[in-house]
């Protein structure tokens, strides 16, 4: 089995146990009167199962993301590309070019005039 798949399955199992603990604490402390709603309903077990499943998705996704981000290696050398290879334009080098525009002309006509000058 590939190492990444093994890592994912391990994090899903860990997320499942975290979700069980979280849902257990939600029910134990009766947050939002959740324990009463589930215990008095005839299909409360579906609500508990859905809480566990959806929280498993969330917690396992977070665990997997943390595990993948921790796999990054520390580079000793310089990171990124060479900045001096990109020519930069300083503010003093920028020139303002005046473009004469007659009154009553539309933006489309102005764009066509600029295209003809190129």
C-alpha atoms as a PDB file:
ATOM      1  CA  UNK A   1       0.000   0.000   0.000  1.00  0.00           C
ATOM      2  CA  UNK A   2       1.406   3.457  -0.850  1.00  0.00           C
ATOM      3  CA  UNK A   3       2.684   5.475   2.054  1.00  0.00           C
ATOM      4  CA  UNK A   4       0.277   8.360   1.406  1.00  0.00           C
ATOM      5  CA  UNK A   5      -2.765   6.039   1.471  1.00  0.00           C
ATOM      6  CA  UNK A   6      -1.510   4.499   4.711  1.00  0.00           C
ATOM      7  CA  UNK A   7      -1.117   7.992   6.181  1.00  0.00           C
ATOM      8  CA  UNK A   8      -4.640   8.935   5.078  1.00  0.00           C
ATOM      9  CA  UNK A   9      -6.240   5.819   6.586  1.00  0.00           C
ATOM     10  CA  UNK A  10      -4.362   6.384   9.836  1.00  0.00           C
ATOM     11  CA  UNK A  11      -5.624   9.969  10.005  1.00  0.00           C
ATOM     12  CA  UNK A  12      -9.205   8.919   9.216  1.00  0.00           C
ATOM     13  CA  UNK A  13      -9.113   6.434  12.104  1.00  0.00           C
ATOM     14  CA  UNK A  14      -7.678   9.107  14.391  1.00  0.00           C
ATOM     15  CA  UNK A  15     -10.350  11.561  13.195  1.00  0.00           C
ATOM     16  CA  UNK A  16     -13.045   8.964  13.915  1.00  0.00           C
ATOM     17  CA  UNK A  17     -11.914   8.638  17.524  1.00  0.00           C
ATOM     18  CA  UNK A  18     -11.748  12.397  17.869  1.00  0.00           C
ATOM     19  CA  UNK A  19     -15.295  12.645  16.484  1.00  0.00           C
ATOM     20  CA  UNK A  20     -16.514   9.999  18.939  1.00  0.00           C
ATOM     21  CA  UNK A  21     -14.995  11.952  21.820  1.00  0.00           C
ATOM     22  CA  UNK A  22     -16.425  15.234  20.535  1.00  0.00           C
ATOM     23  CA  UNK A  23     -19.950  13.870  20.068  1.00  0.00           C
ATOM     24  CA  UNK A  24     -19.710  12.148  23.451  1.00  0.00           C
ATOM     25  CA  UNK A  25     -18.820  15.460  25.087  1.00  0.00           C
ATOM     26  CA  UNK A  26     -21.632  17.215  23.225  1.00  0.00           C
ATOM     27  CA  UNK A  27     -24.116  14.705  24.572  1.00  0.00           C
ATOM     28  CA  UNK A  28     -22.571  14.554  28.068  1.00  0.00           C
ATOM     29  CA  UNK A  29     -22.713  18.325  28.576  1.00  0.00           C
ATOM     30  CA  UNK A  30     -26.122  18.503  26.841  1.00  0.00           C
ATOM     31  CA  UNK A  31     -25.060  21.347  24.545  1.00  0.00           C
ATOM     32  CA  UNK A  32     -28.115  22.906  22.941  1.00  0.00           C
ATOM     33  CA  UNK A  33     -30.298  20.360  24.781  1.00  0.00           C
ATOM     34  CA  UNK A  34     -28.955  17.782  22.329  1.00  0.00           C
ATOM     35  CA  UNK A  35     -29.089  14.826  24.725  1.00  0.00           C
ATOM     36  CA  UNK A  36     -32.776  15.437  25.415  1.00  0.00           C
ATOM     37  CA  UNK A  37     -33.581  15.755  21.699  1.00  0.00           C
ATOM     38  CA  UNK A  38     -31.773  12.524  20.834  1.00  0.00           C
ATOM     39  CA  UNK A  39     -32.956  10.482  23.813  1.00  0.00           C
ATOM     40  CA  UNK A  40     -36.640  11.394  23.367  1.00  0.00           C
ATOM     41  CA  UNK A  41     -36.694  10.812  19.598  1.00  0.00           C
ATOM     42  CA  UNK A  42     -37.368   7.383  18.160  1.00  0.00           C
ATOM     43  CA  UNK A  43     -34.712   7.938  15.448  1.00  0.00           C
ATOM     44  CA  UNK A  44     -32.152   9.696  17.645  1.00  0.00           C
ATOM     45  CA  UNK A  45     -29.554   7.060  16.809  1.00  0.00           C
ATOM     46  CA  UNK A  46     -29.504   8.371  13.201  1.00  0.00           C
ATOM     47  CA  UNK A  47     -28.703  11.851  14.508  1.00  0.00           C
ATOM     48  CA  UNK A  48     -25.833  10.470  16.589  1.00  0.00           C
ATOM     49  CA  UNK A  49     -24.526   8.465  13.631  1.00  0.00           C
ATOM     50  CA  UNK A  50     -24.650  11.514  11.361  1.00  0.00           C
ATOM     51  CA  UNK A  51     -22.913  13.656  13.964  1.00  0.00           C
ATOM     52  CA  UNK A  52     -20.139  11.084  14.237  1.00  0.00           C
ATOM     53  CA  UNK A  53     -19.798  10.644  10.456  1.00  0.00           C
ATOM     54  CA  UNK A  54     -19.712  14.348   9.602  1.00  0.00           C
ATOM     55  CA  UNK A  55     -17.370  15.199  12.459  1.00  0.00           C
ATOM     56  CA  UNK A  56     -15.145  12.320  11.350  1.00  0.00           C
ATOM     57  CA  UNK A  57     -14.918  13.927   7.915  1.00  0.00           C
ATOM     58  CA  UNK A  58     -13.963  17.267   9.458  1.00  0.00           C
ATOM     59  CA  UNK A  59     -11.488  15.977  12.035  1.00  0.00           C
ATOM     60  CA  UNK A  60      -9.810  13.479   9.713  1.00  0.00           C
ATOM     61  CA  UNK A  61      -9.442  16.149   7.031  1.00  0.00           C
ATOM     62  CA  UNK A  62      -7.788  18.476   9.508  1.00  0.00           C
ATOM     63  CA  UNK A  63      -5.517  15.704  10.786  1.00  0.00           C
ATOM     64  CA  UNK A  64      -4.489  14.757   7.266  1.00  0.00           C
ATOM     65  CA  UNK A  65      -3.803  18.377   6.340  1.00  0.00           C
ATOM     66  CA  UNK A  66      -1.629  18.834   9.415  1.00  0.00           C
ATOM     67  CA  UNK A  67       0.255  15.613   8.656  1.00  0.00           C
ATOM     68  CA  UNK A  68       0.899  16.604   5.044  1.00  0.00           C
ATOM     69  CA  UNK A  69       2.066  20.097   5.990  1.00  0.00           C
ATOM     70  CA  UNK A  70       4.442  18.671   8.568  1.00  0.00           C
ATOM     71  CA  UNK A  71       6.060  16.553   5.842  1.00  0.00           C
ATOM     72  CA  UNK A  72       7.611  19.646   4.247  1.00  0.00           C
ATOM     73  CA  UNK A  73      11.381  19.674   4.330  1.00  0.00           C
ATOM     74  CA  UNK A  74      13.406  22.561   5.613  1.00  0.00           C
ATOM     75  CA  UNK A  75      15.490  24.046   2.817  1.00  0.00           C
ATOM     76  CA  UNK A  76      18.866  25.418   3.816  1.00  0.00           C
ATOM     77  CA  UNK A  77      19.437  27.277   0.577  1.00  0.00           C
ATOM     78  CA  UNK A  78      17.712  30.318  -0.789  1.00  0.00           C
ATOM     79  CA  UNK A  79      14.113  29.798  -1.729  1.00  0.00           C
ATOM     80  CA  UNK A  80      12.345  31.116  -4.786  1.00  0.00           C
ATOM     81  CA  UNK A  81      13.708  32.302  -8.065  1.00  0.00           C
ATOM     82  CA  UNK A  82      16.337  34.870  -8.887  1.00  0.00           C
ATOM     83  CA  UNK A  83      14.996  38.330  -8.319  1.00  0.00           C
ATOM     84  CA  UNK A  84      17.674  40.027 -10.389  1.00  0.00           C
ATOM     85  CA  UNK A  85      16.527  38.124 -13.467  1.00  0.00           C
ATOM     86  CA  UNK A  86      13.266  40.100 -13.479  1.00  0.00           C
ATOM     87  CA  UNK A  87      13.706  43.675 -14.689  1.00  0.00           C
ATOM     88  CA  UNK A  88      12.046  46.133 -12.371  1.00  0.00           C
ATOM     89  CA  UNK A  89      10.858  49.572 -13.310  1.00  0.00           C
ATOM     90  CA  UNK A  90      11.454  52.334 -10.804  1.00  0.00           C
ATOM     91  CA  UNK A  91       9.057  55.202 -10.355  1.00  0.00           C
ATOM     92  CA  UNK A  92      11.532  57.605 -11.999  1.00  0.00           C
ATOM     93  CA  UNK A  93      11.573  55.481 -15.160  1.00  0.00           C
ATOM     94  CA  UNK A  94       7.808  55.512 -15.648  1.00  0.00           C
ATOM     95  CA  UNK A  95       6.594  58.062 -18.130  1.00  0.00           C
ATOM     96  CA  UNK A  96       3.147  59.514 -18.393  1.00  0.00           C
ATOM     97  CA  UNK A  97       1.890  59.548 -21.956  1.00  0.00           C
ATOM     98  CA  UNK A  98      -0.770  62.046 -22.828  1.00  0.00           C
ATOM     99  CA  UNK A  99      -3.478  60.734 -25.104  1.00  0.00           C
ATOM    100  CA  UNK A 100      -5.714  63.384 -26.623  1.00  0.00           C
ATOM    101  CA  UNK A 101      -9.403  62.603 -26.357  1.00  0.00           C
ATOM    102  CA  UNK A 102     -12.126  64.582 -28.039  1.00  0.00           C
ATOM    103  CA  UNK A 103     -15.332  65.274 -26.175  1.00  0.00           C
ATOM    104  CA  UNK A 104     -18.312  63.121 -26.992  1.00  0.00           C
ATOM    105  CA  UNK A 105     -16.291  60.056 -27.982  1.00  0.00           C
ATOM    106  CA  UNK A 106     -17.164  56.693 -26.537  1.00  0.00           C
ATOM    107  CA  UNK A 107     -14.776  54.352 -24.796  1.00  0.00           C
ATOM    108  CA  UNK A 108     -14.989  52.002 -27.785  1.00  0.00           C
ATOM    109  CA  UNK A 109     -13.900  54.711 -30.200  1.00  0.00           C
ATOM    110  CA  UNK A 110     -10.977  55.627 -27.950  1.00  0.00           C
ATOM    111  CA  UNK A 111      -9.865  51.973 -27.779  1.00  0.00           C
ATOM    112  CA  UNK A 112     -10.019  51.714 -31.579  1.00  0.00           C
ATOM    113  CA  UNK A 113      -7.876  54.849 -31.895  1.00  0.00           C
ATOM    114  CA  UNK A 114      -5.279  53.400 -29.524  1.00  0.00           C
ATOM    115  CA  UNK A 115      -5.186  50.139 -31.482  1.00  0.00           C
ATOM    116  CA  UNK A 116      -4.526  52.028 -34.723  1.00  0.00           C
ATOM    117  CA  UNK A 117      -1.568  53.846 -33.146  1.00  0.00           C
ATOM    118  CA  UNK A 118       0.125  50.580 -32.205  1.00  0.00           C
END
